[in-house]
C-alpha cells in the first residue's frame, strides 16, 4: 500500500486518509475517491490530499477482517458483516465463553496490522452479546500476510460452551427464628439465577442446621432425578469442619474446594456426592447481583468440569464488587441480534424514550421549569408531544419534585410515570431508576431531558434511524457544528453500566469507555443544546 500526500491525478480509487472540509459538503476519511470527488476537490483549488493507494498484492481491510474472523470463530460464535476494517463476533447461544488464550496472544504477535480483542475468559454470555472483535489497523494489508496468519495460527480460538438443560434442588437449613420471608426470597432469587443458566429448580427443601440431620437428608435424596444440589445454610460456612461440609462428608461425598478468591462469594463450598455437584452457597447468593456462585454455576451448567485449581485461579478479576463493568446476567432477548440488525429500522426493534423530569429546578427559584407555559401547554407536555410524534410507543417519564403536577402532564401524553424517591440525591438516581424499570425486551433507549423544548420529533427519528448494530452503531450522539448534544441513544448491552453513575452524574460520563461504538450524527439544528435552567433562558426561548 502506498501512503502519503498525492496529486489529484493519482488518487482515483484511492482511500481518503483525512476528512476534507468543503463548502458543498465534507469528504469523510475512509472514502474511496471517485472522479466526481476529484472534480469537487479541484473546483475548490485543492491539488493534493493524503491518501492510501492499494497495490495489486494488497487485500482491503474489510476483506482481511472477514478472513481472520472466520478463522478464529468457533462453535456457537457468529460473525457480523465487516465495516471499517472491523468484524464483531457475537454469541449465538447462551453459555460460557471459552478462549484459547495462548492462540489469541500468538495471533496478535504475528503482525501489528491485525488485532483480535475479546471479553474475559469464562464470561457468562447471552445470545447476541458481543464477545470479540477483529480489527485491521491500516486500510489494507498484503494478501500474503493474511494467508500466512490463517495458515499458521490455530483455528476456532473463541468458542461458546452452551448451557445444558439440567435440574437442581435446593436445601435451606434452619435455626430458631429463621424467617420464612427470607427463605422465600432466597428460593425466588436462586430460581431466577438458575433459569438464566438453563437450569430448573425442581424443589426447595427445609432441614435443620445440624450435621447429622443434614447428612441423612442428603443421603436420602442423593439418587433423585436432579443434577445439582444447592445448600443455603442458616449460618455461613466458616471452616471445612463446619456443619455443611461435615454433613456432605458424612453422607459419603467429597469436598473439592472450600473458599474462593472472589468477592462477593468467598465462602463458597464445592463438593460432589455420588457423582453429582453439591454447592454450599455463600450468603451473597441471596442477592441477584453477580457474585462468586455465578462463576461456578455457569461453568457447571455449561457442562464444564470445575477443579480446585480453576477456583483458586479466579482471583484476577475476582473483586466483583469493585468491577462495575462486569456484565450482570440478563434475561435473553426475544430475538437474536443477527435478525434484529439487518435493517436500520424494523418492527422488531423496540426503542424506548426515557424522559428525565424529576429535578427541583433550583436555578429557576420557586418555578418548576417543566411546568412553565410553552406552546399549547407546558415545557414538559411539548417535549412529550414531540416524543409521541416521533412514533415511540414506549415512553417512560421519571418523576420526583412536584410529582402529582408532573404526572398530570404525563397522563395527557400517553407516558408511563416512574417515581424516583431518591431524586434529591442527583440526576444519576433518575437515570438508574428509569433503566431498572424498562421491560426486558427493550433493545435501546433514548435518554431525553424534559427541559429541552426545541428538540423535535424529526431529530428523534433521525437518531433512531442511525441505530444499527450490524454497522457497530450502538450509541448515537447528535452533534451540531461538531459539538455533541442530547438526547443520546444507548443499546441495551450498556444498561448494566448505568449502575456506575453517582450523584449528579449523567450517562455521558460512560462515553469515554466505548469510543468504538459511538456514532456522531450531524443535526442541522441547535435544538439539541438548548435547555432551560434559568428564568432568563426561558424568557429568551419565548422570544
Protein backbone atom coordinates (compact mmCIF):
# COMPACT_ATOMS: atom_id res chain seq x y z
CA UNK A 1 0.00 0.00 0.00
CA UNK A 2 1.22 3.46 -0.87
CA UNK A 3 0.53 6.03 1.82
CA UNK A 4 1.18 9.75 1.68
CA UNK A 5 0.25 13.00 0.00
CA UNK A 6 -0.62 12.60 -3.68
CA UNK A 7 -1.68 14.93 -6.51
CA UNK A 8 -5.25 14.66 -7.75
CA UNK A 9 -4.06 12.94 -10.91
CA UNK A 10 -3.02 9.86 -8.87
CA UNK A 11 -5.89 9.36 -6.40
CA UNK A 12 -8.73 7.87 -8.46
CA UNK A 13 -9.91 4.85 -6.44
CA UNK A 14 -7.62 5.72 -3.52
CA UNK A 15 -8.83 5.92 0.08
CA UNK A 16 -9.02 9.33 1.67
CA UNK A 17 -6.99 9.31 4.91
CA UNK A 18 -8.15 12.62 6.42
CA UNK A 19 -11.54 14.28 6.06
CA UNK A 20 -11.64 17.30 3.77
CA UNK A 21 -13.99 20.15 4.69
CA UNK A 22 -15.72 21.64 1.66
CA UNK A 23 -18.48 24.29 1.47
CA UNK A 24 -20.50 21.92 -0.72
CA UNK A 25 -20.28 19.05 1.78
CA UNK A 26 -17.42 17.28 3.51
CA UNK A 27 -15.48 14.32 2.15
CA UNK A 28 -15.00 11.96 5.08
CA UNK A 29 -11.92 9.90 5.77
CA UNK A 30 -12.11 6.29 4.58
CA UNK A 31 -13.97 7.32 1.43
CA UNK A 32 -12.90 5.70 -1.85
CA UNK A 33 -12.36 8.67 -4.13
CA UNK A 34 -14.33 8.85 -7.36
CA UNK A 35 -13.97 11.09 -10.41
CA UNK A 36 -16.74 13.30 -9.01
CA UNK A 37 -14.86 13.64 -5.71
CA UNK A 38 -11.67 14.61 -7.53
CA UNK A 39 -13.55 17.23 -9.53
CA UNK A 40 -15.00 18.71 -6.33
CA UNK A 41 -11.52 18.91 -4.83
CA UNK A 42 -10.21 20.57 -7.97
CA UNK A 43 -13.11 23.03 -8.05
CA UNK A 44 -12.09 24.17 -4.57
CA UNK A 45 -8.44 24.63 -5.58
CA UNK A 46 -7.22 21.58 -3.68
CA UNK A 47 -4.28 19.99 -5.50
CA UNK A 48 -3.02 17.36 -3.03
CA UNK A 49 -4.65 15.09 -0.44
CA UNK A 50 -3.35 12.45 1.93
CA UNK A 51 -4.49 9.06 0.66
CA UNK A 52 -3.84 5.32 0.78
CA UNK A 53 -3.43 3.61 -2.59
CA UNK A 54 -3.84 -0.16 -2.70
CA UNK A 55 -1.37 -2.16 -4.71
CA UNK A 56 -2.01 -5.43 -6.58
CA UNK A 57 -0.67 -7.58 -3.73
CA UNK A 58 -2.93 -5.90 -1.13
CA UNK A 59 -6.20 -7.05 0.45
CA UNK A 60 -8.66 -4.36 1.60
CA UNK A 61 -9.36 -4.04 5.31
CA UNK A 62 -12.93 -5.42 5.30
CA UNK A 63 -11.98 -8.49 3.28
CA UNK A 64 -8.99 -9.15 5.54
CA UNK A 65 -11.10 -8.79 8.68
CA UNK A 66 -13.61 -11.24 7.22
CA UNK A 67 -10.94 -13.88 6.59
CA UNK A 68 -9.45 -13.57 10.08
CA UNK A 69 -12.81 -13.56 11.89
CA UNK A 70 -13.98 -16.67 10.03
CA UNK A 71 -10.74 -18.38 11.04
CA UNK A 72 -10.88 -17.55 14.77
CA UNK A 73 -14.62 -18.03 15.41
CA UNK A 74 -15.54 -21.45 16.75
CA UNK A 75 -18.69 -23.25 17.85
CA UNK A 76 -21.72 -21.08 18.60
CA UNK A 77 -19.98 -17.84 17.58
CA UNK A 78 -21.35 -15.76 14.70
CA UNK A 79 -19.55 -13.07 12.69
CA UNK A 80 -21.19 -9.79 11.74
CA UNK A 81 -20.62 -8.05 8.42
CA UNK A 82 -17.27 -6.25 8.15
CA UNK A 83 -17.25 -2.46 8.41
CA UNK A 84 -14.30 -0.04 8.55
CA UNK A 85 -11.89 -2.95 8.86
CA UNK A 86 -13.75 -4.46 11.80
CA UNK A 87 -15.75 -7.66 12.29
CA UNK A 88 -17.62 -8.13 15.55
CA UNK A 89 -18.14 -11.66 16.87
CA UNK A 90 -21.33 -12.46 18.78
CA UNK A 91 -22.51 -15.33 20.95
CA UNK A 92 -25.01 -17.47 19.04
CA UNK A 93 -26.15 -19.23 22.24
CA UNK A 94 -26.37 -18.53 25.96
CA UNK A 95 -23.34 -20.04 27.65
CA UNK A 96 -19.78 -19.57 28.87
CA UNK A 97 -17.03 -18.03 26.77
CA UNK A 98 -14.03 -20.30 26.20
CA UNK A 99 -10.92 -18.61 24.77
CA UNK A 100 -7.69 -20.18 23.57
CA UNK A 101 -5.62 -17.50 25.29
CA UNK A 102 -2.19 -18.62 24.00
CA UNK A 103 -3.66 -18.75 20.49
CA UNK A 104 -5.07 -15.22 20.77
CA UNK A 105 -1.74 -13.90 22.04
CA UNK A 106 0.13 -15.68 19.25
CA UNK A 107 -2.14 -14.20 16.57
CA UNK A 108 -1.74 -10.68 17.99
CA UNK A 109 2.05 -11.10 17.78
CA UNK A 110 2.05 -12.17 14.12
CA UNK A 111 1.56 -8.75 12.53
CA UNK A 112 0.81 -5.34 14.02
CA UNK A 113 -1.79 -4.66 11.33
CA UNK A 114 -4.11 -7.41 12.58
CA UNK A 115 -5.66 -7.44 16.06
CA UNK A 116 -8.10 -9.64 17.97
CA UNK A 117 -9.70 -8.47 21.23
CA UNK A 118 -12.08 -10.47 23.43
CA UNK A 119 -14.05 -10.07 26.63
CA UNK A 120 -12.89 -12.00 29.72
CA UNK A 121 -12.19 -15.72 29.73
CA UNK A 122 -15.08 -17.68 31.23
CA UNK A 123 -17.51 -14.76 30.90
CA UNK A 124 -21.22 -15.53 31.17
CA UNK A 125 -22.67 -14.57 27.79
CA UNK A 126 -26.12 -14.45 26.29
CA UNK A 127 -27.25 -14.86 22.73
CA UNK A 128 -26.45 -11.78 20.68
CA UNK A 129 -23.79 -10.49 23.10
CA UNK A 130 -20.55 -9.09 21.68
CA UNK A 131 -17.68 -11.41 22.67
CA UNK A 132 -14.77 -10.37 20.44
CA UNK A 133 -13.74 -8.08 17.62
CA UNK A 134 -11.23 -8.39 14.80
CA UNK A 135 -9.78 -5.06 13.68
CA UNK A 136 -7.45 -4.40 10.76
CA UNK A 137 -5.46 -1.28 11.63
CA UNK A 138 -4.45 0.10 8.15
CA UNK A 139 -6.78 0.44 5.17
CA UNK A 140 -5.29 -2.66 3.58
CA UNK A 141 -2.67 -5.34 4.22
CA UNK A 142 -0.75 -7.63 1.97
CA UNK A 143 -2.76 -10.68 0.94
CA UNK A 144 0.17 -12.98 1.73
CA UNK A 145 0.15 -11.70 5.33
CA UNK A 146 -3.50 -12.65 5.79
CA UNK A 147 -2.94 -16.07 4.21
CA UNK A 148 0.10 -16.68 6.42
CA UNK A 149 -1.81 -15.85 9.59
CA UNK A 150 -4.69 -18.12 8.61
CA UNK A 151 -2.26 -20.93 7.77
CA UNK A 152 -0.03 -20.64 10.82
CA UNK A 153 -2.41 -19.67 13.64
CA UNK A 154 -4.80 -22.01 15.41
CA UNK A 155 -8.45 -22.16 14.37
CA UNK A 156 -11.55 -21.62 16.50
CA UNK A 157 -9.86 -19.52 19.17
CA UNK A 158 -13.22 -18.32 20.51
CA UNK A 159 -15.94 -20.81 21.42
CA UNK A 160 -19.20 -20.65 23.37
CA UNK A 161 -19.97 -23.59 25.65
CA UNK A 162 -23.80 -23.56 25.66
CA UNK A 163 -25.76 -24.09 28.83
CA UNK A 164 -27.17 -27.61 29.13
CA UNK A 165 -30.69 -28.26 30.35
CA UNK A 166 -30.34 -29.55 33.92
CA UNK A 167 -32.34 -29.88 37.12
CA UNK A 168 -31.42 -28.65 40.58
CA UNK A 169 -32.73 -28.94 44.12
CA UNK A 170 -32.04 -26.57 46.99
CA UNK A 171 -31.82 -27.32 50.70
CA UNK A 172 -32.19 -24.42 53.12
CA UNK A 173 -31.12 -25.24 56.67
CA UNK A 174 -32.99 -23.76 59.62
CA UNK A 175 -32.14 -22.37 63.03
CA UNK A 176 -34.61 -20.99 65.55
CA UNK A 177 -36.05 -17.73 64.29
CA UNK A 178 -35.22 -18.22 60.58
CA UNK A 179 -37.76 -16.01 58.79
CA UNK A 180 -40.00 -17.59 56.15
CA UNK A 181 -39.82 -14.34 54.19
CA UNK A 182 -36.04 -14.77 53.85
CA UNK A 183 -36.40 -18.38 52.74
CA UNK A 184 -38.98 -17.46 50.11
CA UNK A 185 -36.80 -14.65 48.78
CA UNK A 186 -33.79 -16.98 48.57
CA UNK A 187 -35.80 -19.52 46.57
CA UNK A 188 -37.05 -16.84 44.17
CA UNK A 189 -33.59 -15.37 43.56
CA UNK A 190 -31.98 -18.77 43.09
CA UNK A 191 -34.70 -19.98 40.71
CA UNK A 192 -34.16 -16.87 38.58
CA UNK A 193 -30.36 -17.31 38.65
CA UNK A 194 -30.60 -20.96 37.61
CA UNK A 195 -33.09 -20.15 34.87
CA UNK A 196 -30.52 -17.81 33.27
CA UNK A 197 -28.21 -20.82 33.05
CA UNK A 198 -30.83 -23.17 31.60
CA UNK A 199 -31.46 -24.98 34.90
CA UNK A 200 -34.83 -25.71 36.50
CA UNK A 201 -35.14 -25.54 40.29
CA UNK A 202 -37.24 -28.63 40.99
CA UNK A 203 -37.62 -28.44 44.77
CA UNK A 204 -36.76 -26.27 47.73
CA UNK A 205 -36.38 -28.41 50.85
CA UNK A 206 -36.02 -27.34 54.50
CA UNK A 207 -33.79 -29.09 57.02
CA UNK A 208 -32.40 -28.43 60.49
CA UNK A 209 -28.93 -26.86 60.64
CA UNK A 210 -27.29 -29.91 62.24
CA UNK A 211 -24.60 -32.16 60.79
CA UNK A 212 -26.35 -35.50 61.36
CA UNK A 213 -29.78 -34.25 60.24
CA UNK A 214 -28.42 -32.67 57.06
CA UNK A 215 -26.25 -35.72 56.28
CA UNK A 216 -29.24 -38.04 56.49
CA UNK A 217 -31.28 -35.70 54.33
CA UNK A 218 -28.56 -35.52 51.66
CA UNK A 219 -28.02 -39.27 51.67
CA UNK A 220 -31.74 -39.98 51.21
CA UNK A 221 -32.10 -37.59 48.28
CA UNK A 222 -28.74 -38.31 46.56
CA UNK A 223 -30.21 -40.66 43.95
CA UNK A 224 -33.03 -38.31 42.94
CA UNK A 225 -33.64 -37.13 39.38
CA UNK A 226 -31.59 -33.97 39.78
CA UNK A 227 -28.11 -32.92 38.63
CA UNK A 228 -27.13 -30.25 41.17
CA UNK A 229 -27.75 -29.80 44.89
CA UNK A 230 -27.53 -26.31 46.37
CA UNK A 231 -27.29 -25.86 50.14
CA UNK A 232 -28.07 -22.47 51.69
CA UNK A 233 -27.10 -22.57 55.33
CA UNK A 234 -28.89 -20.71 58.10
CA UNK A 235 -25.36 -19.84 59.20
CA UNK A 236 -22.36 -19.16 56.94
CA UNK A 237 -19.75 -21.88 56.39
CA UNK A 238 -16.68 -20.77 58.34
CA UNK A 239 -14.47 -23.87 58.18
CA UNK A 240 -14.09 -27.20 56.36
CA UNK A 241 -15.29 -28.85 59.59
CA UNK A 242 -18.45 -26.73 59.82
CA UNK A 243 -21.97 -28.22 59.63
CA UNK A 244 -22.47 -28.26 55.84
CA UNK A 245 -19.08 -29.68 54.70
CA UNK A 246 -19.11 -32.16 57.59
CA UNK A 247 -22.62 -33.33 56.60
CA UNK A 248 -21.53 -33.83 52.96
CA UNK A 249 -18.58 -35.99 54.07
CA UNK A 250 -20.82 -37.93 56.46
CA UNK A 251 -23.25 -38.62 53.59
CA UNK A 252 -20.41 -40.11 51.52
CA UNK A 253 -19.45 -37.05 49.47
CA UNK A 254 -16.10 -35.33 48.84
CA UNK A 255 -15.07 -31.71 49.29
CA UNK A 256 -13.36 -30.38 46.15
CA UNK A 257 -12.63 -26.90 47.48
CA UNK A 258 -13.74 -24.53 50.22
CA UNK A 259 -13.48 -20.79 49.71
CA UNK A 260 -12.66 -18.82 46.58
CA UNK A 261 -10.65 -15.66 45.78
CA UNK A 262 -13.80 -13.88 44.59
CA UNK A 263 -15.64 -11.14 46.45
CA UNK A 264 -18.57 -11.29 46.99
CA UNK A 265 -18.57 -15.09 47.23
CA UNK A 266 -15.58 -16.02 49.41
CA UNK A 267 -17.41 -18.65 51.49
CA UNK A 268 -18.35 -20.95 48.60
CA UNK A 269 -18.10 -24.72 49.06
CA UNK A 270 -17.65 -27.01 46.01
CA UNK A 271 -18.31 -30.72 46.52
CA UNK A 272 -19.62 -33.89 44.90
CA UNK A 273 -21.93 -36.59 46.18
CA UNK A 274 -22.40 -39.78 44.14
CA UNK A 275 -21.09 -38.05 41.03
CA UNK A 276 -23.40 -35.03 41.32
CA UNK A 277 -22.37 -31.46 42.07
CA UNK A 278 -23.12 -30.09 45.54
CA UNK A 279 -22.60 -26.40 46.28
CA UNK A 280 -22.58 -24.79 49.70
CA UNK A 281 -23.81 -21.29 48.95
CA UNK A 282 -22.34 -18.08 50.41
CA UNK A 283 -24.82 -15.63 51.90
CA UNK A 284 -24.39 -13.24 48.95
CA UNK A 285 -26.25 -15.81 46.82
CA UNK A 286 -29.46 -14.47 48.33
CA UNK A 287 -28.88 -11.39 46.14
CA UNK A 288 -29.48 -11.42 42.36
CA UNK A 289 -26.29 -9.41 41.81
CA UNK A 290 -23.24 -11.05 40.27
CA UNK A 291 -21.17 -12.97 42.81
CA UNK A 292 -18.80 -15.92 43.02
CA UNK A 293 -21.51 -18.55 42.79
CA UNK A 294 -22.32 -17.32 39.25
CA UNK A 295 -18.76 -18.05 38.14
CA UNK A 296 -19.02 -21.62 39.43
CA UNK A 297 -22.62 -22.35 38.44
CA UNK A 298 -22.20 -21.03 34.91
CA UNK A 299 -19.35 -23.45 34.23
CA UNK A 300 -21.21 -26.40 35.73
CA UNK A 301 -24.33 -25.51 33.75
CA UNK A 302 -22.26 -25.40 30.54
CA UNK A 303 -21.14 -28.98 31.19
CA UNK A 304 -17.60 -27.99 32.15
CA UNK A 305 -15.61 -29.57 34.95
CA UNK A 306 -14.60 -27.24 37.78
CA UNK A 307 -11.38 -28.10 39.57
CA UNK A 308 -9.72 -26.87 42.73
CA UNK A 309 -7.01 -25.14 40.69
CA UNK A 310 -9.56 -23.36 38.50
CA UNK A 311 -11.30 -21.95 41.55
CA UNK A 312 -8.02 -20.80 43.05
CA UNK A 313 -7.10 -19.08 39.76
CA UNK A 314 -10.18 -16.81 39.83
CA UNK A 315 -8.53 -14.09 41.90
CA UNK A 316 -7.54 -11.83 39.00
CA UNK A 317 -10.78 -10.03 38.18
CA UNK A 318 -12.41 -11.63 41.21
CA UNK A 319 -13.10 -8.40 43.07
CA UNK A 320 -16.59 -8.18 41.58
CA UNK A 321 -17.92 -5.50 43.91
CA UNK A 322 -15.22 -3.12 42.64
CA UNK A 323 -15.61 -4.10 38.96
CA UNK A 324 -18.72 -2.21 37.79
CA UNK A 325 -18.11 -3.01 34.13
CA UNK A 326 -18.63 -6.72 34.71
CA UNK A 327 -21.83 -7.72 32.88
CA UNK A 328 -24.76 -8.77 35.01
CA UNK A 329 -26.65 -11.88 33.92
CA UNK A 330 -29.57 -10.68 31.77
CA UNK A 331 -32.61 -12.42 30.50
CA UNK A 332 -32.08 -13.21 26.86
CA UNK A 333 -33.90 -11.04 24.39
CA UNK A 334 -36.76 -12.43 22.37
CA UNK A 335 -34.88 -12.17 19.05
CA UNK A 336 -31.23 -12.85 18.20
CA UNK A 337 -29.14 -9.84 17.23
CA UNK A 338 -28.32 -11.02 13.76
CA UNK A 339 -32.03 -10.92 12.92
CA UNK A 340 -32.67 -7.62 14.66
CA UNK A 341 -29.91 -5.74 12.90
CA UNK A 342 -30.45 -6.35 9.21
CA UNK A 343 -32.13 -3.02 8.58
CA UNK A 344 -31.85 0.43 10.02
CA UNK A 345 -35.40 0.35 11.38
CA UNK A 346 -37.53 -2.77 11.66
CA UNK A 347 -40.65 -3.55 13.69
CA UNK A 348 -38.58 -5.91 15.87
CA UNK A 349 -36.52 -3.02 17.24
CA UNK A 350 -38.06 -1.68 20.42
CA UNK A 351 -36.62 1.74 21.19
CA UNK A 352 -37.89 3.36 24.37
CA UNK A 353 -37.79 7.01 25.43
CA UNK A 354 -36.65 7.75 28.98
CA UNK A 355 -37.62 11.32 29.83
CA UNK A 356 -36.00 12.82 32.93
CA UNK A 357 -38.49 15.06 34.76
CA UNK A 358 -37.65 14.66 38.45
CA UNK A 359 -35.42 17.70 39.07
CA UNK A 360 -36.08 20.52 41.51
CA UNK A 361 -35.33 23.42 39.10
CA UNK A 362 -33.28 25.14 41.82
CA UNK A 363 -31.86 27.77 39.46
CA UNK A 364 -35.40 28.82 38.48
CA UNK A 365 -36.32 29.90 42.01
CA UNK A 366 -39.79 28.74 43.00
CA UNK A 367 -40.87 27.82 39.50
CA UNK A 368 -40.78 24.25 38.18
CA UNK A 369 -39.32 24.84 34.71
CA UNK A 370 -41.06 21.76 33.31
CA UNK A 371 -44.49 23.22 34.14
CA UNK A 372 -43.90 26.68 32.66
CA UNK A 373 -46.22 27.62 29.75
CA UNK A 374 -44.90 26.76 26.31
CA UNK A 375 -46.76 26.36 23.00
CA UNK A 376 -50.19 24.91 23.66
CA UNK A 377 -49.27 23.56 27.08
CA UNK A 378 -46.17 23.31 29.24
CA UNK A 379 -42.49 22.74 28.52
CA UNK A 380 -42.81 19.08 29.55
CA UNK A 381 -46.01 18.44 27.60
CA UNK A 382 -44.38 19.91 24.49
CA UNK A 383 -41.37 17.60 24.86
CA UNK A 384 -43.61 14.57 25.40
CA UNK A 385 -45.67 15.59 22.38
CA UNK A 386 -42.56 15.52 20.20
CA UNK A 387 -41.66 12.09 21.54
CA UNK A 388 -45.13 10.82 20.63
CA UNK A 389 -44.93 12.35 17.15
CA UNK A 390 -41.62 10.57 16.60
CA UNK A 391 -43.51 7.26 16.75
CA UNK A 392 -42.09 5.99 20.04
CA UNK A 393 -44.60 3.74 21.79
CA UNK A 394 -42.65 3.06 24.98
CA UNK A 395 -42.33 6.36 26.85
CA UNK A 396 -41.17 6.32 30.48
CA UNK A 397 -41.02 9.57 32.46
CA UNK A 398 -39.09 9.79 35.73
CA UNK A 399 -40.83 11.98 38.32
CA UNK A 400 -39.72 13.34 41.67
CA UNK A 401 -40.18 17.03 42.54
CA UNK A 402 -43.87 18.05 42.40
CA UNK A 403 -44.77 14.50 41.43
CA UNK A 404 -48.55 14.99 41.19
CA UNK A 405 -48.36 18.04 38.92
CA UNK A 406 -45.81 16.40 36.63
CA UNK A 407 -47.90 13.24 36.41
CA UNK A 408 -50.86 15.30 35.16
CA UNK A 409 -48.75 16.31 32.15
CA UNK A 410 -47.64 12.72 31.60
CA UNK A 411 -51.22 11.42 31.51
CA UNK A 412 -52.02 13.87 28.72
CA UNK A 413 -49.27 12.41 26.55
CA UNK A 414 -49.51 8.60 26.88
CA UNK A 415 -46.42 8.25 29.06
CA UNK A 416 -45.69 5.92 31.96
CA UNK A 417 -44.72 7.72 35.18
CA UNK A 418 -41.94 6.22 37.30
CA UNK A 419 -41.42 7.88 40.67
CA UNK A 420 -37.84 8.26 41.89
CA UNK A 421 -37.91 8.70 45.66
CA UNK A 422 -34.18 9.45 45.63
CA UNK A 423 -34.44 12.36 43.19
CA UNK A 424 -32.89 14.81 45.67
CA UNK A 425 -29.64 12.80 45.52
CA UNK A 426 -28.98 13.76 41.91
CA UNK A 427 -29.55 13.02 38.25
CA UNK A 428 -27.92 9.57 38.41
CA UNK A 429 -30.71 8.22 40.59
CA UNK A 430 -33.30 9.11 37.95
CA UNK A 431 -31.29 7.50 35.16
CA UNK A 432 -30.81 4.30 37.16
CA UNK A 433 -34.47 4.18 38.22
CA UNK A 434 -35.55 4.51 34.61
CA UNK A 435 -33.18 1.86 33.26
CA UNK A 436 -34.26 -0.57 36.01
CA UNK A 437 -37.92 -0.06 35.08
CA UNK A 438 -37.54 -0.77 31.35
CA UNK A 439 -39.09 -4.03 30.07
CA UNK A 440 -36.61 -6.79 29.25
CA UNK A 441 -37.47 -6.73 25.54
CA UNK A 442 -36.33 -3.13 25.03
CA UNK A 443 -33.45 -3.03 22.51
CA UNK A 444 -32.31 0.57 23.05
CA UNK A 445 -33.27 3.71 24.94
CA UNK A 446 -33.05 7.43 24.23
CA UNK A 447 -32.40 9.41 27.39
CA UNK A 448 -34.22 12.72 26.95
CA UNK A 449 -34.07 15.80 29.15
CA UNK A 450 -37.54 17.09 29.95
CA UNK A 451 -36.47 20.74 29.68
CA UNK A 452 -35.37 20.77 26.01
CA UNK A 453 -38.41 22.13 24.13
CA UNK A 454 -36.55 22.71 20.84
CA UNK A 455 -35.81 19.01 20.49
CA UNK A 456 -38.12 17.96 17.66
CA UNK A 457 -39.76 14.73 16.53
CA UNK A 458 -37.66 14.90 13.37
CA UNK A 459 -34.44 14.91 15.42
CA UNK A 460 -35.62 11.89 17.38
CA UNK A 461 -36.50 9.99 14.20
CA UNK A 462 -33.04 10.68 12.73
CA UNK A 463 -31.33 9.39 15.87
CA UNK A 464 -33.41 6.18 15.80
CA UNK A 465 -32.70 5.66 12.11
CA UNK A 466 -28.95 5.83 12.75
CA UNK A 467 -29.10 2.96 15.27
CA UNK A 468 -27.60 -0.12 13.57
CA UNK A 469 -25.88 -2.94 15.42
CA UNK A 470 -24.72 -4.50 12.15
CA UNK A 471 -22.63 -1.40 11.49
CA UNK A 472 -21.41 -1.04 15.06
CA UNK A 473 -23.66 1.97 15.68
CA UNK A 474 -24.75 1.15 19.23
CA UNK A 475 -24.52 4.62 20.81
CA UNK A 476 -25.90 7.52 18.77
CA UNK A 477 -24.96 11.08 19.75
CA UNK A 478 -26.45 14.06 17.88
CA UNK A 479 -23.99 16.83 17.00
CA UNK A 480 -24.27 20.32 15.55
CA UNK A 481 -21.20 22.02 14.09
CA UNK A 482 -19.06 19.37 15.70
CA UNK A 483 -20.46 19.82 19.23
CA UNK A 484 -22.27 16.98 20.98
CA UNK A 485 -25.78 17.40 22.34
CA UNK A 486 -28.83 15.46 23.55
CA UNK A 487 -30.64 13.07 23.52
CA UNK A 488 -28.27 10.09 23.32
CA UNK A 489 -29.44 6.64 22.25
CA UNK A 490 -27.94 3.62 24.06
CA UNK A 491 -28.17 -0.03 23.06
CA UNK A 492 -29.39 -2.35 25.83
CA UNK A 493 -26.00 -4.04 26.16
CA UNK A 494 -24.78 -0.94 28.00
CA UNK A 495 -27.62 -0.85 30.55
CA UNK A 496 -25.57 -2.70 33.17
CA UNK A 497 -23.01 0.11 33.22
CA UNK A 498 -25.55 2.69 34.41
CA UNK A 499 -25.11 1.32 37.93
CA UNK A 500 -21.76 3.13 37.96
CA UNK A 501 -23.42 6.56 37.98
CA UNK A 502 -23.46 8.54 41.22
CA UNK A 503 -24.77 11.90 42.40
CA UNK A 504 -25.39 14.31 39.55
CA UNK A 505 -23.53 12.17 37.00
CA UNK A 506 -25.36 11.81 33.72
CA UNK A 507 -24.85 8.88 31.37
CA UNK A 508 -22.39 10.92 29.28
CA UNK A 509 -19.67 10.01 31.80
CA UNK A 510 -19.73 6.47 30.37
CA UNK A 511 -18.97 7.52 26.79
CA UNK A 512 -15.19 7.53 27.26
CA UNK A 513 -15.31 3.76 27.82
CA UNK A 514 -16.87 2.96 24.44
CA UNK A 515 -15.47 5.21 21.68
CA UNK A 516 -15.60 2.40 19.10
CA UNK A 517 -19.39 2.05 19.46
CA UNK A 518 -20.22 5.75 19.18
CA UNK A 519 -21.73 7.27 16.06
CA UNK A 520 -21.90 11.05 15.91
CA UNK A 521 -24.92 12.16 13.91
CA UNK A 522 -24.81 15.68 12.48
CA UNK A 523 -28.11 17.51 13.06
CA UNK A 524 -28.99 20.77 11.31
CA UNK A 525 -30.40 22.33 14.48
CA UNK A 526 -29.14 23.76 17.77
CA UNK A 527 -32.22 22.29 19.45
CA UNK A 528 -30.01 19.50 20.74
CA UNK A 529 -28.29 22.01 23.07
CA UNK A 530 -30.97 24.35 24.39
CA UNK A 531 -32.31 23.55 27.84
CA UNK A 532 -34.00 25.83 30.34
CA UNK A 533 -32.12 26.33 33.60
CA UNK A 534 -32.85 29.98 34.37
CA UNK A 535 -35.70 32.48 34.01
CA UNK A 536 -33.50 34.39 31.52
CA UNK A 537 -33.14 31.28 29.34
CA UNK A 538 -36.90 30.74 29.46
CA UNK A 539 -37.68 34.35 28.50
CA UNK A 540 -35.17 34.13 25.66
CA UNK A 541 -36.84 30.95 24.42
CA UNK A 542 -40.28 32.60 24.35
CA UNK A 543 -38.92 35.48 22.29
